[in-house]
Amino acid sequence: MNPVQLRQHLESLAAAGVLDLPRGPSVAAVSQSPQPAPPRVQTPPRVQTADLLAGLDVLRSEVAACQQCAELASSRKQTVFGAGSPTAKICFLGEAPGADEDAQGEPFVGKAGQLLTKIIEACRLTRDEVYILNVLKCRPPGNRRPLPDEVTNCRGFFERQLSLLSPDVICCLGATAAQALLGATEPIGKLRGQWFRYREAAVICTYHPSYLLRNPAAKRDVWDDMKLMMRHFDVQL
């Protein structure tokens, strides 16, 4: 790693809430996972890239035409399908688009999205190497939390999307995403720091980046979750 890359990596770590790095003997302690990663599931072969892209395009068109939630369909500027690598091993699942996402048609492009980008970079990845999507594909008015019926209406979309993407790991950002995917009722503070299973994918839950903007101290918890996630891929942060 050259000096420029090293500086960029350290800046990403600092933005993600990592203010100190382990030295010497403490590295061994960092490598000890608080909970073993779930055993890898023998997954079926990935869909050929051309078929995968075609399937995502069909689903994207269905999402764009959806009118199931009258309030959301009438107030949105556009739907927000997802972005990133269709063959990514990691998917980040958020709650719903905000105003910036509704305007640009891309997930996580506002202030919370900028923080998520820094967290991803601190994991030694780029946004182009992961896939980012939301439970809802339309912005709720006033950025309110999704209603249960809205999650139900969008479930078919995000479940088919994840089925096509077939990631190794899904990282749920916030309680809405975790509860929608896992059917859980516990708050995010109880769900984070451990592994779950959704079909063939391992699932980890952490705080939403927008929560970190309001509560910067929680960045350390998210960093712990990211270290746990990356150990699944034998990457030590």
Protein backbone atom coordinates (compact mmCIF):
# COMPACT_ATOMS: atom_id res chain seq x y z
CA MET A 1 0.00 0.00 0.00
CA ASN A 2 1.56 3.30 -1.09
CA PRO A 3 1.45 6.46 1.09
CA VAL A 4 -1.56 7.91 -0.75
CA GLN A 5 -3.57 4.68 -0.40
CA LEU A 6 -2.54 4.41 3.26
CA ARG A 7 -3.69 7.96 3.98
CA GLN A 8 -7.02 7.34 2.22
CA HIS A 9 -7.54 4.13 4.19
CA LEU A 10 -6.78 5.84 7.50
CA GLU A 11 -9.17 8.69 6.62
CA SER A 12 -11.92 6.15 5.89
CA LEU A 13 -11.26 4.41 9.20
CA ALA A 14 -11.51 7.71 11.07
CA ALA A 15 -14.76 8.62 9.33
CA ALA A 16 -16.17 5.22 10.24
CA GLY A 17 -15.39 5.84 13.91
CA VAL A 18 -12.11 3.95 14.22
CA LEU A 19 -9.85 6.25 16.21
CA ASP A 20 -7.15 3.78 17.24
CA LEU A 21 -5.53 0.71 15.72
CA PRO A 22 -4.30 -2.40 17.52
CA ARG A 23 -0.53 -2.89 17.86
CA GLY A 24 1.68 -5.82 18.71
CA PRO A 25 0.10 -8.57 20.85
CA SER A 26 -3.37 -7.00 20.78
CA VAL A 27 -3.80 -8.10 17.15
CA ALA A 28 -4.41 -11.67 18.33
CA ALA A 29 -7.25 -10.49 20.55
CA VAL A 30 -8.89 -8.66 17.66
CA SER A 31 -8.97 -11.86 15.63
CA GLN A 32 -11.12 -13.62 18.22
CA SER A 33 -14.74 -13.38 17.07
CA PRO A 34 -17.32 -12.78 19.83
CA GLN A 35 -19.48 -15.30 18.02
CA PRO A 36 -18.44 -17.85 15.37
CA ALA A 37 -19.64 -17.08 11.86
CA PRO A 38 -22.41 -19.42 10.75
CA PRO A 39 -21.25 -22.40 8.72
CA ARG A 40 -21.08 -21.69 5.03
CA VAL A 41 -24.07 -23.10 3.16
CA GLN A 42 -23.51 -24.96 -0.09
CA THR A 43 -25.16 -22.53 -2.45
CA PRO A 44 -26.36 -23.35 -5.95
CA PRO A 45 -24.26 -22.01 -8.83
CA ARG A 46 -24.77 -18.30 -9.45
CA VAL A 47 -26.99 -17.31 -12.33
CA GLN A 48 -24.97 -16.44 -15.41
CA THR A 49 -24.25 -12.71 -15.46
CA ALA A 50 -26.31 -12.02 -18.58
CA ASP A 51 -29.34 -13.81 -17.13
CA LEU A 52 -28.79 -12.10 -13.77
CA LEU A 53 -28.73 -8.65 -15.35
CA ALA A 54 -31.81 -9.48 -17.42
CA GLY A 55 -33.65 -10.68 -14.32
CA LEU A 56 -32.74 -7.52 -12.42
CA ASP A 57 -33.87 -5.35 -15.34
CA VAL A 58 -37.25 -7.10 -15.42
CA LEU A 59 -37.64 -6.63 -11.68
CA ARG A 60 -36.53 -2.98 -11.92
CA SER A 61 -39.26 -2.36 -14.51
CA GLU A 62 -41.87 -3.96 -12.25
CA VAL A 63 -40.74 -1.78 -9.35
CA ALA A 64 -40.92 1.37 -11.48
CA ALA A 65 -44.49 0.56 -12.50
CA CYS A 66 -45.69 -0.40 -9.01
CA GLN A 67 -48.73 1.44 -7.66
CA GLN A 68 -49.52 -0.79 -4.65
CA CYS A 69 -48.87 1.95 -2.08
CA ALA A 70 -51.01 4.82 -3.36
CA GLU A 71 -49.48 7.43 -1.04
CA LEU A 72 -45.92 6.52 -1.97
CA ALA A 73 -46.62 6.16 -5.69
CA SER A 74 -48.30 9.56 -5.84
CA SER A 75 -45.57 11.40 -3.92
CA ARG A 76 -42.40 9.83 -5.30
CA LYS A 77 -40.25 11.37 -7.99
CA GLN A 78 -38.97 7.94 -8.97
CA THR A 79 -38.39 4.51 -7.53
CA VAL A 80 -34.99 3.57 -6.08
CA PHE A 81 -34.14 0.01 -7.06
CA GLY A 82 -30.55 -0.63 -5.96
CA ALA A 83 -26.95 -0.10 -7.00
CA GLY A 84 -23.62 -1.88 -7.03
CA SER A 85 -22.20 -5.13 -8.31
CA PRO A 86 -24.82 -7.75 -9.18
CA THR A 87 -22.25 -10.44 -8.31
CA ALA A 88 -21.28 -8.88 -4.96
CA LYS A 89 -20.72 -11.18 -1.99
CA ILE A 90 -22.09 -8.54 0.42
CA CYS A 91 -25.43 -6.75 0.23
CA PHE A 92 -26.28 -3.80 2.46
CA LEU A 93 -30.03 -3.64 3.10
CA GLY A 94 -31.43 -0.33 4.33
CA GLU A 95 -34.86 1.00 5.20
CA ALA A 96 -36.17 3.29 2.46
CA PRO A 97 -35.05 6.10 0.15
CA GLY A 98 -34.80 9.65 1.47
CA ALA A 99 -35.15 12.94 -0.38
CA ASP A 100 -31.71 12.75 -2.02
CA GLU A 101 -32.28 9.17 -3.11
CA ASP A 102 -35.74 10.00 -4.46
CA ALA A 103 -34.20 12.83 -6.49
CA GLN A 104 -31.27 10.85 -7.87
CA GLY A 105 -32.77 7.37 -8.12
CA GLU A 106 -29.82 5.80 -6.25
CA PRO A 107 -29.75 4.36 -2.71
CA PHE A 108 -27.70 5.98 0.06
CA VAL A 109 -26.46 9.12 -1.69
CA GLY A 110 -27.27 11.69 1.03
CA LYS A 111 -25.33 12.33 4.24
CA ALA A 112 -26.11 8.87 5.60
CA GLY A 113 -25.02 7.41 2.28
CA GLN A 114 -21.74 9.28 2.38
CA LEU A 115 -21.08 7.80 5.82
CA LEU A 116 -21.99 4.33 4.55
CA THR A 117 -19.47 4.79 1.73
CA LYS A 118 -16.76 5.56 4.30
CA ILE A 119 -17.73 2.51 6.34
CA ILE A 120 -17.51 0.35 3.21
CA GLU A 121 -14.11 1.81 2.37
CA ALA A 122 -12.92 1.17 5.92
CA CYS A 123 -13.78 -2.49 5.23
CA ARG A 124 -11.29 -2.33 2.32
CA LEU A 125 -14.07 -2.37 -0.23
CA THR A 126 -15.71 0.11 -2.60
CA ARG A 127 -19.36 0.73 -3.35
CA ASP A 128 -18.78 -0.91 -6.74
CA GLU A 129 -17.80 -4.14 -4.98
CA VAL A 130 -20.97 -4.44 -2.87
CA TYR A 131 -24.67 -4.13 -3.60
CA ILE A 132 -26.90 -1.62 -1.80
CA LEU A 133 -30.69 -1.76 -1.67
CA ASN A 134 -33.60 -0.82 0.57
CA VAL A 135 -36.67 -2.61 1.88
CA LEU A 136 -38.92 0.05 0.32
CA LYS A 137 -38.32 1.24 -3.21
CA CYS A 138 -40.21 4.54 -2.75
CA ARG A 139 -39.58 7.41 -0.37
CA PRO A 140 -42.10 7.63 2.49
CA PRO A 141 -43.41 11.21 2.80
CA GLY A 142 -41.36 13.23 5.26
CA ASN A 143 -38.89 10.33 5.51
CA ARG A 144 -41.16 8.64 8.03
CA ARG A 145 -40.63 4.98 8.89
CA PRO A 146 -42.21 2.46 6.52
CA LEU A 147 -45.67 1.23 7.49
CA PRO A 148 -46.25 -2.52 7.88
CA ASP A 149 -48.47 -2.65 4.78
CA GLU A 150 -45.78 -0.89 2.75
CA VAL A 151 -43.18 -3.43 3.83
CA THR A 152 -45.60 -6.21 2.89
CA ASN A 153 -46.19 -4.68 -0.54
CA CYS A 154 -42.45 -4.37 -1.20
CA ARG A 155 -41.49 -7.75 0.24
CA GLY A 156 -41.85 -9.56 -3.06
CA PHE A 157 -39.51 -7.06 -4.70
CA PHE A 158 -36.64 -7.11 -2.21
CA GLU A 159 -36.88 -10.87 -1.67
CA ARG A 160 -36.72 -11.55 -5.42
CA GLN A 161 -33.88 -9.03 -5.68
CA LEU A 162 -31.88 -10.84 -2.99
CA SER A 163 -32.68 -14.19 -4.57
CA LEU A 164 -31.23 -13.01 -7.88
CA LEU A 165 -28.18 -11.43 -6.25
CA SER A 166 -27.52 -14.49 -4.07
CA PRO A 167 -25.01 -12.78 -1.73
CA ASP A 168 -22.91 -14.61 0.83
CA VAL A 169 -23.68 -11.99 3.50
CA ILE A 170 -26.53 -9.52 3.99
CA CYS A 171 -25.86 -6.60 6.33
CA CYS A 172 -29.10 -5.12 7.64
CA LEU A 173 -28.82 -1.42 8.40
CA GLY A 174 -31.23 -0.54 11.19
CA ALA A 175 -34.23 -2.17 12.83
CA THR A 176 -36.64 -1.80 9.91
CA ALA A 177 -34.38 -3.75 7.56
CA ALA A 178 -33.51 -6.39 10.15
CA GLN A 179 -37.09 -6.93 11.23
CA ALA A 180 -38.39 -7.02 7.66
CA LEU A 181 -35.82 -9.56 6.51
CA LEU A 182 -35.68 -11.79 9.58
CA GLY A 183 -39.20 -11.42 10.94
CA ALA A 184 -37.64 -10.31 14.21
CA THR A 185 -39.26 -8.04 16.79
CA GLU A 186 -36.21 -7.17 18.90
CA PRO A 187 -34.64 -3.69 18.65
CA ILE A 188 -31.46 -3.33 16.63
CA GLY A 189 -29.35 -3.08 19.78
CA LYS A 190 -30.39 -6.65 20.65
CA LEU A 191 -29.89 -7.96 17.11
CA ARG A 192 -26.43 -6.59 16.38
CA GLY A 193 -23.21 -8.43 17.18
CA GLN A 194 -24.47 -11.88 16.17
CA TRP A 195 -25.17 -13.95 13.09
CA PHE A 196 -28.50 -14.95 11.57
CA ARG A 197 -29.50 -16.86 8.49
CA TYR A 198 -31.74 -15.80 5.59
CA ARG A 199 -32.07 -18.65 3.11
CA GLU A 200 -28.48 -19.38 1.99
CA ALA A 201 -27.05 -16.04 3.17
CA ALA A 202 -25.49 -15.21 6.51
CA VAL A 203 -27.02 -12.07 8.03
CA ILE A 204 -25.52 -9.49 10.34
CA CYS A 205 -27.36 -6.46 11.73
CA THR A 206 -26.00 -3.07 12.71
CA TYR A 207 -27.08 0.53 13.24
CA HIS A 208 -28.29 2.59 10.29
CA PRO A 209 -25.85 5.31 9.17
CA SER A 210 -28.49 7.98 9.84
CA TYR A 211 -28.49 6.87 13.49
CA LEU A 212 -24.73 7.34 13.57
CA LEU A 213 -25.13 10.93 12.37
CA ARG A 214 -27.25 11.59 15.46
CA ASN A 215 -25.24 9.34 17.79
CA PRO A 216 -21.55 9.37 16.72
CA ALA A 217 -20.51 7.26 19.72
CA ALA A 218 -22.29 4.27 18.13
CA LYS A 219 -19.72 4.25 15.32
CA ARG A 220 -17.54 2.03 17.52
CA ASP A 221 -20.35 -0.54 17.71
CA VAL A 222 -20.77 -0.48 13.94
CA TRP A 223 -17.03 -0.93 13.51
CA ASP A 224 -17.17 -4.00 15.75
CA ASP A 225 -19.97 -5.35 13.56
CA MET A 226 -17.97 -4.68 10.39
CA LYS A 227 -14.96 -6.51 11.83
CA LEU A 228 -17.22 -9.45 12.64
CA MET A 229 -18.65 -9.37 9.12
CA MET A 230 -15.29 -9.22 7.38
CA ARG A 231 -13.91 -12.09 9.49
CA HIS A 232 -16.49 -14.19 7.67
CA PHE A 233 -14.31 -13.61 4.60
CA ASP A 234 -11.06 -14.14 6.55
CA VAL A 235 -10.30 -10.42 6.40
CA GLN A 236 -8.89 -8.86 9.57
CA LEU A 237 -9.61 -5.16 10.01
